[in-house]
Protein backbone atom coordinates (compact mmCIF):
# COMPACT_ATOMS: atom_id res chain seq x y z
CA MET A 1 22.97 8.56 3.01
CA ALA A 2 25.40 7.93 5.86
CA SER A 3 24.62 5.98 8.98
CA ASN A 4 23.65 7.91 12.08
CA PRO A 5 26.95 9.34 13.36
CA ASP A 6 25.73 9.28 16.95
CA ILE A 7 25.55 5.48 16.96
CA PRO A 8 28.78 3.55 17.60
CA PRO A 9 29.62 1.43 14.51
CA MET A 10 29.77 -1.84 16.47
CA THR A 11 26.08 -1.58 17.44
CA ALA A 12 25.08 -1.52 13.78
CA LYS A 13 26.96 -4.64 12.62
CA ARG A 14 24.83 -7.46 13.99
CA PRO A 15 21.18 -6.79 13.22
CA GLY A 16 18.82 -9.57 14.20
CA TRP A 17 15.87 -10.98 12.32
CA ARG A 18 13.57 -8.42 13.93
CA GLU A 19 15.49 -5.56 12.33
CA PHE A 20 15.33 -7.21 8.91
CA LEU A 21 11.63 -7.92 9.38
CA GLU A 22 10.99 -4.29 10.31
CA LEU A 23 12.68 -3.19 7.09
CA THR A 24 9.95 -5.01 5.16
CA LYS A 25 7.09 -3.07 6.79
CA PRO A 26 5.28 -6.36 7.48
CA LYS A 27 1.83 -4.92 8.25
CA VAL A 28 1.78 -2.90 5.04
CA VAL A 29 3.10 -5.81 3.00
CA LEU A 30 0.52 -8.14 4.52
CA LEU A 31 -2.27 -5.92 3.18
CA ILE A 32 -0.54 -5.80 -0.22
CA ALA A 33 -0.23 -9.59 -0.32
CA PHE A 34 -3.86 -10.02 0.74
CA THR A 35 -5.18 -7.86 -2.09
CA ALA A 36 -2.94 -9.75 -4.53
CA VAL A 37 -4.28 -13.09 -3.29
CA VAL A 38 -7.87 -11.88 -3.71
CA GLY A 39 -6.98 -10.95 -7.27
CA MET A 40 -5.74 -14.50 -7.83
CA PHE A 41 -8.94 -16.07 -6.54
CA LEU A 42 -11.16 -13.72 -8.52
CA ALA A 43 -9.20 -14.56 -11.68
CA ALA A 44 -10.14 -18.24 -11.46
CA PRO A 45 -13.69 -19.66 -11.78
CA GLY A 46 -12.81 -22.20 -9.09
CA MET A 47 -9.54 -22.47 -7.21
CA PRO A 48 -6.47 -20.79 -8.70
CA PRO A 49 -3.56 -23.07 -9.68
CA LEU A 50 -1.59 -23.93 -6.58
CA LYS A 51 1.77 -22.96 -8.10
CA ALA A 52 0.54 -19.54 -9.14
CA LEU A 53 -1.09 -19.02 -5.75
CA LEU A 54 1.88 -20.01 -3.60
CA ILE A 55 4.84 -18.85 -5.67
CA GLY A 56 2.98 -15.82 -7.03
CA THR A 57 2.06 -14.65 -3.54
CA PHE A 58 5.58 -15.26 -2.25
CA GLY A 59 7.16 -13.45 -5.19
CA ILE A 60 4.87 -10.43 -4.82
CA TRP A 61 5.52 -10.41 -1.07
CA LEU A 62 9.27 -10.44 -1.68
CA ALA A 63 9.03 -7.53 -4.15
CA ALA A 64 6.87 -5.47 -1.79
CA SER A 65 9.31 -6.19 1.05
CA SER A 66 12.23 -5.13 -1.15
CA ALA A 67 10.48 -1.86 -2.01
CA ALA A 68 9.84 -1.23 1.68
CA ALA A 69 13.50 -1.83 2.52
CA ILE A 70 14.62 0.56 -0.23
CA ASN A 71 12.19 3.10 1.19
CA HIS A 72 13.89 2.72 4.59
CA VAL A 73 17.30 3.36 3.01
CA ILE A 74 16.25 6.43 1.04
CA ASP A 75 14.22 7.96 3.87
CA GLN A 76 16.60 7.25 6.75
CA ARG A 77 17.53 10.92 7.21
CA ILE A 78 13.96 12.17 7.43
CA ASP A 79 13.00 9.09 9.46
CA SER A 80 15.54 10.16 12.10
CA GLU A 81 13.71 13.49 12.48
CA MET A 82 10.18 12.10 12.92
CA ALA A 83 8.95 10.64 16.20
CA ARG A 84 6.95 7.98 14.34
CA THR A 85 9.98 6.62 12.48
CA ARG A 86 13.12 7.53 14.41
CA HIS A 87 13.29 4.05 15.99
CA ARG A 88 13.49 2.25 12.65
CA PRO A 89 16.67 0.16 12.21
CA LEU A 90 18.67 2.63 10.09
CA PRO A 91 18.07 5.90 11.98
CA ALA A 92 18.39 4.01 15.27
CA GLY A 93 21.77 2.65 14.18
CA SER A 94 20.88 -1.01 14.66
CA MET A 95 21.72 -1.77 11.02
CA LEU A 96 24.20 -0.50 8.46
CA GLU A 97 22.97 1.06 5.24
CA SER A 98 24.98 -1.47 3.22
CA GLN A 99 23.22 -4.33 5.00
CA ALA A 100 19.81 -2.86 4.22
CA VAL A 101 20.71 -2.29 0.56
CA ALA A 102 22.04 -5.84 0.19
CA PHE A 103 18.92 -7.24 1.84
CA ALA A 104 16.64 -5.26 -0.49
CA LEU A 105 18.55 -6.36 -3.60
CA VAL A 106 18.46 -10.02 -2.56
CA LEU A 107 14.69 -9.85 -2.01
CA ALA A 108 14.18 -8.16 -5.39
CA ALA A 109 16.34 -10.70 -7.21
CA LEU A 110 14.57 -13.64 -5.58
CA SER A 111 11.20 -12.13 -6.43
CA MET A 112 12.01 -11.57 -10.09
CA GLY A 113 13.59 -15.01 -10.42
CA LEU A 114 10.67 -16.87 -8.89
CA LEU A 115 8.01 -14.95 -10.78
CA THR A 116 9.80 -15.23 -14.12
CA VAL A 117 10.64 -18.93 -13.89
CA TYR A 118 7.64 -20.36 -12.02
CA VAL A 119 4.77 -17.93 -12.72
CA ASN A 120 5.05 -15.85 -15.91
CA VAL A 121 7.06 -13.01 -17.40
CA LEU A 122 4.09 -10.61 -17.39
CA THR A 123 3.67 -10.90 -13.63
CA ALA A 124 7.40 -10.44 -13.10
CA ALA A 125 7.46 -7.35 -15.33
CA LEU A 126 4.41 -5.78 -13.68
CA THR A 127 5.78 -6.54 -10.22
CA PHE A 128 9.14 -5.01 -11.10
CA GLY A 129 7.39 -1.92 -12.44
CA SER A 130 5.42 -1.61 -9.21
CA LEU A 131 8.62 -1.99 -7.15
CA ILE A 132 10.39 0.75 -9.13
CA GLY A 133 7.27 2.93 -9.02
CA TYR A 134 7.12 2.88 -5.22
CA ALA A 135 10.77 2.58 -4.22
CA ILE A 136 12.21 5.02 -6.76
CA VAL A 137 9.61 7.16 -8.54
CA TYR A 138 7.48 7.81 -5.45
CA THR A 139 10.07 7.72 -2.66
CA VAL A 140 12.89 9.55 -4.44
CA TRP A 141 10.95 12.01 -6.56
CA LEU A 142 7.19 12.35 -6.07
CA LYS A 143 7.18 12.39 -2.28
CA ARG A 144 9.42 15.44 -2.28
CA ALA A 145 8.16 17.11 -5.47
CA THR A 146 4.42 17.74 -5.14
CA PRO A 147 1.58 17.79 -2.60
CA GLN A 148 -0.24 15.41 -4.98
CA ASN A 149 2.51 12.84 -4.40
CA ILE A 150 0.22 10.23 -2.89
CA VAL A 151 -2.36 10.56 -5.69
CA ILE A 152 0.18 10.01 -8.47
CA GLY A 153 2.29 7.53 -6.54
CA GLY A 154 -0.81 5.59 -5.50
CA ALA A 155 -0.66 3.70 -8.79
CA ALA A 156 2.22 1.56 -7.49
CA GLY A 157 0.34 0.68 -4.32
CA ALA A 158 -2.81 -0.15 -6.29
CA ALA A 159 -1.10 -2.74 -8.49
CA PRO A 160 -1.20 -5.92 -6.31
CA PRO A 161 -4.65 -7.20 -7.44
CA VAL A 162 -3.51 -6.80 -11.06
CA LEU A 163 -0.33 -8.71 -10.24
CA GLY A 164 -2.32 -11.49 -8.60
CA TRP A 165 -4.73 -11.69 -11.54
CA ALA A 166 -1.83 -11.80 -14.03
CA ALA A 167 -0.18 -14.58 -12.03
CA VAL A 168 -3.20 -16.80 -12.72
CA THR A 169 -4.24 -15.73 -16.23
CA ASN A 170 -1.07 -14.20 -17.74
CA THR A 171 -3.25 -11.26 -18.85
CA ILE A 172 -4.21 -7.77 -17.71
CA ASP A 173 -7.95 -8.20 -17.31
CA PRO A 174 -10.46 -5.29 -17.21
CA ASN A 175 -11.91 -6.68 -13.97
CA ALA A 176 -8.44 -6.58 -12.42
CA LEU A 177 -8.23 -2.93 -13.41
CA LEU A 178 -11.44 -2.29 -11.45
CA LEU A 179 -9.69 -3.63 -8.36
CA PHE A 180 -6.73 -1.39 -9.18
CA LEU A 181 -9.10 1.58 -9.41
CA ILE A 182 -10.59 0.83 -5.99
CA ILE A 183 -7.20 0.91 -4.24
CA PHE A 184 -6.13 3.93 -6.31
CA ALA A 185 -9.18 5.89 -5.09
CA TRP A 186 -8.75 4.58 -1.52
CA THR A 187 -5.10 5.66 -1.16
CA PRO A 188 -5.51 9.48 -0.89
CA PRO A 189 -8.09 9.55 1.94
CA HIS A 190 -6.18 6.77 3.69
CA PHE A 191 -2.82 8.53 3.62
CA TRP A 192 -4.01 12.13 3.94
CA ALA A 193 -5.71 11.25 7.23
CA LEU A 194 -2.30 10.15 8.52
CA ALA A 195 -0.70 13.26 7.00
CA ILE A 196 -3.06 15.48 9.01
CA ALA A 197 -2.21 13.62 12.21
CA ARG A 198 1.53 13.98 11.46
CA ARG A 199 1.39 17.40 9.84
CA ASP A 200 3.86 19.06 12.22
CA GLU A 201 6.43 16.32 11.65
CA TYR A 202 6.10 16.56 7.86
CA ALA A 203 6.42 20.35 8.10
CA LYS A 204 9.55 20.00 10.21
CA ILE A 205 11.34 17.95 7.57
CA GLY A 206 10.04 20.07 4.67
CA MET A 207 7.94 17.32 3.10
CA PRO A 208 5.26 18.94 0.88
CA MET A 209 2.36 16.77 1.99
CA LEU A 210 -1.04 18.27 1.22
CA PRO A 211 -1.82 19.53 4.77
CA VAL A 212 1.63 21.14 4.91
CA ALA A 213 1.44 22.81 1.51
CA TYR A 214 -2.23 23.83 1.45
CA GLY A 215 -3.46 23.48 5.02
CA VAL A 216 -5.50 21.04 7.03
CA GLU A 217 -8.89 22.43 6.02
CA LEU A 218 -8.35 21.83 2.33
CA THR A 219 -6.98 18.38 3.10
CA ARG A 220 -10.14 17.54 5.06
CA LEU A 221 -12.21 18.55 2.04
CA HIS A 222 -10.04 16.44 -0.26
CA ILE A 223 -10.48 13.43 2.03
CA LEU A 224 -14.25 13.82 1.90
CA LEU A 225 -14.33 14.25 -1.89
CA TYR A 226 -12.05 11.28 -2.51
CA THR A 227 -14.15 9.16 -0.18
CA VAL A 228 -17.19 10.03 -2.30
CA ILE A 229 -15.21 9.03 -5.40
CA LEU A 230 -14.21 5.80 -3.66
CA THR A 231 -17.85 5.05 -2.90
CA LEU A 232 -18.77 5.43 -6.57
CA VAL A 233 -15.81 3.31 -7.68
CA THR A 234 -16.63 0.45 -5.31
CA VAL A 235 -20.05 0.06 -6.94
CA LEU A 236 -18.50 -0.53 -10.38
CA PRO A 237 -17.74 -4.26 -9.88
CA TRP A 238 -21.46 -4.79 -9.24
CA LEU A 239 -22.61 -2.57 -12.11
CA THR A 240 -20.35 -4.44 -14.55
CA GLY A 241 -21.60 -7.83 -13.38
CA MET A 242 -18.26 -8.81 -11.89
CA CYS A 243 -19.77 -9.16 -8.40
CA GLY A 244 -23.16 -9.84 -6.88
CA LEU A 245 -25.37 -8.94 -3.96
CA ILE A 246 -23.06 -9.96 -1.13
CA TYR A 247 -20.28 -7.70 -2.34
CA VAL A 248 -22.38 -4.64 -3.16
CA CYS A 249 -24.23 -4.78 0.18
CA ALA A 250 -20.95 -5.07 2.09
CA ALA A 251 -19.39 -2.30 0.01
CA LEU A 252 -22.27 0.10 0.64
CA VAL A 253 -22.20 -0.53 4.39
CA LEU A 254 -18.43 0.01 4.49
CA ASP A 255 -18.73 3.11 2.30
CA VAL A 256 -21.34 4.65 4.59
CA MET A 257 -19.06 4.09 7.58
CA PHE A 258 -16.09 5.62 5.75
CA LEU A 259 -18.18 8.58 4.54
CA ARG A 260 -19.42 9.19 8.07
CA LEU A 261 -15.86 9.42 9.37
CA ALA A 262 -14.78 11.61 6.45
CA TRP A 263 -17.74 13.93 7.06
CA GLN A 264 -16.94 14.16 10.78
CA LEU A 265 -13.33 14.88 9.93
CA TYR A 266 -14.43 17.64 7.58
CA ARG A 267 -16.94 19.23 9.96
CA THR A 268 -15.18 18.91 13.32
CA HIS A 269 -11.67 19.36 14.65
CA ALA A 270 -11.51 16.46 17.10
CA THR A 271 -7.83 15.63 17.49
CA ASP A 272 -8.40 11.87 17.43
CA LEU A 273 -10.37 11.81 14.15
CA PRO A 274 -7.44 11.79 11.69
CA MET A 275 -5.89 8.67 13.24
CA ARG A 276 -9.32 7.05 13.66
CA THR A 277 -9.96 7.65 9.98
CA PHE A 278 -6.54 6.32 9.02
CA ARG A 279 -6.96 3.13 11.06
CA TRP A 280 -10.50 2.56 9.81
CA SER A 281 -9.36 2.94 6.21
CA ILE A 282 -7.05 -0.06 6.64
CA SER A 283 -9.86 -2.19 8.06
CA TYR A 284 -12.15 -0.89 5.31
CA LEU A 285 -9.90 -2.19 2.53
CA MET A 286 -9.46 -5.58 4.19
CA TYR A 287 -13.20 -6.02 4.70
CA LEU A 288 -13.97 -4.84 1.16
CA PHE A 289 -11.60 -7.33 -0.44
CA ALA A 290 -12.82 -10.07 1.89
CA ALA A 291 -16.35 -9.34 0.63
CA LEU A 292 -15.09 -9.65 -2.95
CA LEU A 293 -13.67 -13.06 -2.10
CA VAL A 294 -16.83 -14.33 -0.38
CA ASP A 295 -19.04 -13.04 -3.19
CA HIS A 296 -16.92 -14.87 -5.76
CA TYR A 297 -17.79 -18.23 -4.26
CA VAL A 298 -21.28 -17.52 -2.91
CA HIS A 299 -23.21 -16.43 -5.99
CA ILE A 300 -26.24 -14.26 -5.27
CA ARG A 301 -27.24 -12.21 -8.29
CA ILE A 302 -30.19 -9.88 -8.77
């Protein structure tokens, strides 16, 4: 994985803080940290312990940032061939590969140290497993091996609420697994919408994303079917008694909006719909987990 040969070496020796921040994929990591924090609050009947909340969140954030940086290193060649990613620090030549690797390793070591010493070993182990799952298993193998890469690899991205819950309780709770299941079901329609929008770029680099391997029409159908599955999964926290009226009402409204977009995407060929669906899916997950948090402290049961 050599640096871009077209970039003079001197321009890649003094990356600034912006380049390091970009390596961490801050918007993605923010969503990861948010779902982990919601898991922490839901794990406690009142307020979660301050140490677990602050250090746990920071440790999970560091691990997610490390995984993102490793992803940049491994994908720098294909990033240089895609319009969406060619301006990232490594393909642009504003950072050396060795600097990115060192940065990722430092973040991972800090994460594991903080979580092990100040939170608990279970959270550290689960977080490390999630880091390896995304940075190595998904990025190195699954992404290039099968059109179902995002379905299988989605397990790593769905882990943060479980990590947050474990940080507070030192257990893997069944309710935390429901939160895991929600993100797991959400990931395919979220990412496949982007894959449709970027199909030509994925085809150019030979990445076997679903719309490249089996066509856009089948991918549209998969998005619709997984959105239906997601709708059913989001009702489970209410059916099990984990959540009350505020959550289930918010979830159903959000699900209807997501289903409407997925149906439009399936039935029409408007060029803006894939990106609209992708962007809405991000807002959807934030609003859904915010509703979980509000419901936890405002108890309305029926």
